[in-house]
Amino acid sequence: MSDLRPFHLAIPVRDITATRKFYVEVLGCSVGRSSAEWIDFNFFGHQLSAHVQPQELTEVRTNVVDGEQVPVRHFGLVLAWHAWLILSNKLVHSGIQFLIGPTIRFAGKAGEQATMFIMDPSGNALEFKAFKDEHRLFTPD
């Protein structure tokens, strides 16, 4: 997977201050370029641009996946197993409210993964997941 290039994702947010605080203080992202209307983050090596556009924000709806109500509109990362454990521990101890707390999904199947879902202050759903064997990322059951 070393040939992967960083992705760029732009998301709507309500305000820059709360967005900056969440992505920097909670997730540990650094800030790149910014203005009063947008801010770029180093999102674990990827470029995440948050644009103030509250009218673009919509309620997150869910579908059932392995018995959990998973937000349909979400983004996130596949982390290394150890990095996922560190982040999940950090988030648990920070007192953050989880949409879906740290758990193992598809236990015993090819797609077995650690996963957790949180929301940023604007209601954007984020998923962080990890596979003990990253080669199984696209393996069908």
C-alpha atoms as a PDB file:
ATOM      1  CA  MET A   1       0.000   0.000   0.000  1.00  0.00           C
ATOM      2  CA  SER A   2       3.019   2.297  -0.060  1.00  0.00           C
ATOM      3  CA  ASP A   3       2.145   3.554  -3.562  1.00  0.00           C
ATOM      4  CA  LEU A   4      -0.929   5.366  -2.273  1.00  0.00           C
ATOM      5  CA  ARG A   5      -0.946   9.127  -2.622  1.00  0.00           C
ATOM      6  CA  PRO A   6      -2.565  11.499  -0.109  1.00  0.00           C
ATOM      7  CA  PHE A   7      -6.213  12.214  -0.791  1.00  0.00           C
ATOM      8  CA  HIS A   8      -7.881  15.628  -0.630  1.00  0.00           C
ATOM      9  CA  LEU A   9     -11.354  15.960   0.836  1.00  0.00           C
ATOM     10  CA  ALA A  10     -13.371  19.152   1.339  1.00  0.00           C
ATOM     11  CA  ILE A  11     -16.171  19.159   3.902  1.00  0.00           C
ATOM     12  CA  PRO A  12     -18.709  21.746   5.084  1.00  0.00           C
ATOM     13  CA  VAL A  13     -18.516  23.040   8.667  1.00  0.00           C
ATOM     14  CA  ARG A  14     -20.404  25.492  10.878  1.00  0.00           C
ATOM     15  CA  ASP A  15     -17.461  27.507  12.183  1.00  0.00           C
ATOM     16  CA  ILE A  16     -13.689  27.589  11.964  1.00  0.00           C
ATOM     17  CA  THR A  17     -12.935  27.883  15.689  1.00  0.00           C
ATOM     18  CA  ALA A  18     -14.769  24.728  16.826  1.00  0.00           C
ATOM     19  CA  THR A  19     -13.489  22.854  13.763  1.00  0.00           C
ATOM     20  CA  ARG A  20      -9.880  23.842  14.448  1.00  0.00           C
ATOM     21  CA  LYS A  21     -10.183  22.858  18.116  1.00  0.00           C
ATOM     22  CA  PHE A  22     -11.635  19.423  17.318  1.00  0.00           C
ATOM     23  CA  TYR A  23      -9.229  18.431  14.553  1.00  0.00           C
ATOM     24  CA  VAL A  24      -6.139  19.802  16.346  1.00  0.00           C
ATOM     25  CA  GLU A  25      -6.859  19.056  20.016  1.00  0.00           C
ATOM     26  CA  VAL A  26      -8.949  15.882  19.735  1.00  0.00           C
ATOM     27  CA  LEU A  27      -7.483  14.200  16.638  1.00  0.00           C
ATOM     28  CA  GLY A  28      -3.969  15.707  16.730  1.00  0.00           C
ATOM     29  CA  CYS A  29      -4.018  17.165  13.199  1.00  0.00           C
ATOM     30  CA  SER A  30      -1.798  20.089  12.267  1.00  0.00           C
ATOM     31  CA  VAL A  31      -3.086  23.160  10.430  1.00  0.00           C
ATOM     32  CA  GLY A  32      -1.978  24.121   6.949  1.00  0.00           C
ATOM     33  CA  ARG A  33      -3.304  27.126   5.072  1.00  0.00           C
ATOM     34  CA  SER A  34      -6.426  28.890   6.335  1.00  0.00           C
ATOM     35  CA  SER A  35      -8.641  31.933   6.089  1.00  0.00           C
ATOM     36  CA  ALA A  36     -11.763  33.146   7.885  1.00  0.00           C
ATOM     37  CA  GLU A  37     -13.855  30.864   5.644  1.00  0.00           C
ATOM     38  CA  TRP A  38     -11.767  27.663   5.332  1.00  0.00           C
ATOM     39  CA  ILE A  39      -8.952  25.723   6.962  1.00  0.00           C
ATOM     40  CA  ASP A  40      -6.708  22.888   5.771  1.00  0.00           C
ATOM     41  CA  PHE A  41      -5.597  20.088   8.087  1.00  0.00           C
ATOM     42  CA  ASN A  42      -2.923  17.451   7.812  1.00  0.00           C
ATOM     43  CA  PHE A  43      -5.381  14.612   8.431  1.00  0.00           C
ATOM     44  CA  PHE A  44      -2.983  11.737   9.137  1.00  0.00           C
ATOM     45  CA  GLY A  45      -0.988  12.572   5.997  1.00  0.00           C
ATOM     46  CA  HIS A  46      -3.999  13.573   3.880  1.00  0.00           C
ATOM     47  CA  GLN A  47      -5.359  17.021   3.069  1.00  0.00           C
ATOM     48  CA  LEU A  48      -8.706  17.785   4.691  1.00  0.00           C
ATOM     49  CA  SER A  49     -10.221  21.180   3.842  1.00  0.00           C
ATOM     50  CA  ALA A  50     -13.047  22.457   6.029  1.00  0.00           C
ATOM     51  CA  HIS A  51     -15.168  25.204   4.448  1.00  0.00           C
ATOM     52  CA  VAL A  52     -17.676  27.285   6.393  1.00  0.00           C
ATOM     53  CA  GLN A  53     -20.915  26.391   4.631  1.00  0.00           C
ATOM     54  CA  PRO A  54     -23.508  25.455   7.287  1.00  0.00           C
ATOM     55  CA  GLN A  55     -26.312  25.224   4.716  1.00  0.00           C
ATOM     56  CA  GLU A  56     -24.466  22.244   3.148  1.00  0.00           C
ATOM     57  CA  LEU A  57     -24.693  20.230   6.370  1.00  0.00           C
ATOM     58  CA  THR A  58     -27.414  17.593   6.446  1.00  0.00           C
ATOM     59  CA  GLU A  59     -28.614  15.065   8.991  1.00  0.00           C
ATOM     60  CA  VAL A  60     -26.616  11.870   8.856  1.00  0.00           C
ATOM     61  CA  ARG A  61     -28.770   8.847   8.088  1.00  0.00           C
ATOM     62  CA  THR A  62     -27.769   5.272   8.888  1.00  0.00           C
ATOM     63  CA  ASN A  63     -27.807   1.747   7.476  1.00  0.00           C
ATOM     64  CA  VAL A  64     -27.370  -1.440   9.473  1.00  0.00           C
ATOM     65  CA  VAL A  65     -23.908  -2.978   9.077  1.00  0.00           C
ATOM     66  CA  ASP A  66     -23.063  -6.033  11.173  1.00  0.00           C
ATOM     67  CA  GLY A  67     -25.793  -5.101  13.663  1.00  0.00           C
ATOM     68  CA  GLU A  68     -24.759  -1.438  14.077  1.00  0.00           C
ATOM     69  CA  GLN A  69     -26.409   1.748  12.790  1.00  0.00           C
ATOM     70  CA  VAL A  70     -23.577   3.043  10.581  1.00  0.00           C
ATOM     71  CA  PRO A  71     -23.719   6.613   9.251  1.00  0.00           C
ATOM     72  CA  VAL A  72     -24.097   6.377   5.477  1.00  0.00           C
ATOM     73  CA  ARG A  73     -22.302   9.662   4.787  1.00  0.00           C
ATOM     74  CA  HIS A  74     -18.936   9.411   6.507  1.00  0.00           C
ATOM     75  CA  PHE A  75     -15.220   9.493   5.842  1.00  0.00           C
ATOM     76  CA  GLY A  76     -12.177   8.335   7.697  1.00  0.00           C
ATOM     77  CA  LEU A  77      -9.047   6.270   7.580  1.00  0.00           C
ATOM     78  CA  VAL A  78      -7.758   2.758   7.693  1.00  0.00           C
ATOM     79  CA  LEU A  79      -5.023   2.983  10.299  1.00  0.00           C
ATOM     80  CA  ALA A  80      -2.333   0.515  11.235  1.00  0.00           C
ATOM     81  CA  TRP A  81      -3.579  -1.749  14.058  1.00  0.00           C
ATOM     82  CA  HIS A  82      -1.301  -0.189  16.691  1.00  0.00           C
ATOM     83  CA  ALA A  83      -2.195   3.369  15.583  1.00  0.00           C
ATOM     84  CA  TRP A  84      -5.900   2.518  15.833  1.00  0.00           C
ATOM     85  CA  LEU A  85      -5.415   1.229  19.387  1.00  0.00           C
ATOM     86  CA  ILE A  86      -3.588   4.425  20.383  1.00  0.00           C
ATOM     87  CA  LEU A  87      -6.265   6.674  18.837  1.00  0.00           C
ATOM     88  CA  SER A  88      -9.172   4.694  20.305  1.00  0.00           C
ATOM     89  CA  ASN A  89      -7.556   4.854  23.746  1.00  0.00           C
ATOM     90  CA  LYS A  90      -7.014   8.604  23.375  1.00  0.00           C
ATOM     91  CA  LEU A  91     -10.621   9.186  22.305  1.00  0.00           C
ATOM     92  CA  VAL A  92     -12.053   7.012  25.095  1.00  0.00           C
ATOM     93  CA  HIS A  93     -10.004   8.870  27.711  1.00  0.00           C
ATOM     94  CA  SER A  94     -10.915  12.271  26.221  1.00  0.00           C
ATOM     95  CA  GLY A  95     -14.562  11.604  26.991  1.00  0.00           C
ATOM     96  CA  ILE A  96     -15.652  12.055  23.380  1.00  0.00           C
ATOM     97  CA  GLN A  97     -19.145  10.849  22.516  1.00  0.00           C
ATOM     98  CA  PHE A  98     -18.983   7.953  20.058  1.00  0.00           C
ATOM     99  CA  LEU A  99     -21.579   7.197  17.413  1.00  0.00           C
ATOM    100  CA  ILE A 100     -20.211   3.654  17.554  1.00  0.00           C
ATOM    101  CA  GLY A 101     -17.597   2.984  20.197  1.00  0.00           C
ATOM    102  CA  PRO A 102     -14.417   1.021  19.542  1.00  0.00           C
ATOM    103  CA  THR A 103     -15.438  -2.475  18.487  1.00  0.00           C
ATOM    104  CA  ILE A 104     -14.530  -5.431  16.291  1.00  0.00           C
ATOM    105  CA  ARG A 105     -16.781  -5.842  13.247  1.00  0.00           C
ATOM    106  CA  PHE A 106     -17.196  -8.989  11.118  1.00  0.00           C
ATOM    107  CA  ALA A 107     -15.438 -11.093  13.773  1.00  0.00           C
ATOM    108  CA  GLY A 108     -13.999 -14.322  12.376  1.00  0.00           C
ATOM    109  CA  LYS A 109     -14.605 -13.290   8.748  1.00  0.00           C
ATOM    110  CA  ALA A 110     -12.202 -12.124   6.045  1.00  0.00           C
ATOM    111  CA  GLY A 111     -13.250  -8.502   6.648  1.00  0.00           C
ATOM    112  CA  GLU A 112     -12.690  -8.590  10.421  1.00  0.00           C
ATOM    113  CA  GLN A 113     -11.765  -5.083  11.517  1.00  0.00           C
ATOM    114  CA  ALA A 114     -11.510  -2.761  14.473  1.00  0.00           C
ATOM    115  CA  THR A 115     -13.736   0.274  13.976  1.00  0.00           C
ATOM    116  CA  MET A 116     -15.167   3.332  15.713  1.00  0.00           C
ATOM    117  CA  PHE A 117     -17.271   6.295  14.622  1.00  0.00           C
ATOM    118  CA  ILE A 118     -17.323   9.858  15.962  1.00  0.00           C
ATOM    119  CA  MET A 119     -18.756  13.180  14.785  1.00  0.00           C
ATOM    120  CA  ASP A 120     -16.994  16.485  14.436  1.00  0.00           C
ATOM    121  CA  PRO A 121     -18.684  19.624  15.863  1.00  0.00           C
ATOM    122  CA  SER A 122     -20.506  20.197  12.548  1.00  0.00           C
ATOM    123  CA  GLY A 123     -22.010  16.704  12.420  1.00  0.00           C
ATOM    124  CA  ASN A 124     -19.597  15.193   9.892  1.00  0.00           C
ATOM    125  CA  ALA A 125     -19.270  11.494  10.718  1.00  0.00           C
ATOM    126  CA  LEU A 126     -15.764  10.009  10.812  1.00  0.00           C
ATOM    127  CA  GLU A 127     -14.773   6.349  10.910  1.00  0.00           C
ATOM    128  CA  PHE A 128     -11.405   5.022  11.950  1.00  0.00           C
ATOM    129  CA  LYS A 129     -10.737   1.357  11.261  1.00  0.00           C
ATOM    130  CA  ALA A 130      -7.869  -1.115  11.224  1.00  0.00           C
ATOM    131  CA  PHE A 131      -7.214  -4.650  10.029  1.00  0.00           C
ATOM    132  CA  LYS A 132      -4.751  -6.944  11.747  1.00  0.00           C
ATOM    133  CA  ASP A 133      -3.942  -8.093   8.199  1.00  0.00           C
ATOM    134  CA  GLU A 134      -4.149  -5.063   5.882  1.00  0.00           C
ATOM    135  CA  HIS A 135      -4.069  -7.381   2.858  1.00  0.00           C
ATOM    136  CA  ARG A 136      -7.645  -8.309   3.746  1.00  0.00           C
ATOM    137  CA  LEU A 137      -8.910  -4.753   3.181  1.00  0.00           C
ATOM    138  CA  PHE A 138     -10.631  -5.741  -0.075  1.00  0.00           C
ATOM    139  CA  THR A 139     -11.018  -9.495   0.555  1.00  0.00           C
ATOM    140  CA  PRO A 140     -14.633 -10.638   0.082  1.00  0.00           C
ATOM    141  CA  ASP A 141     -16.164 -13.027   2.627  1.00  0.00           C
END
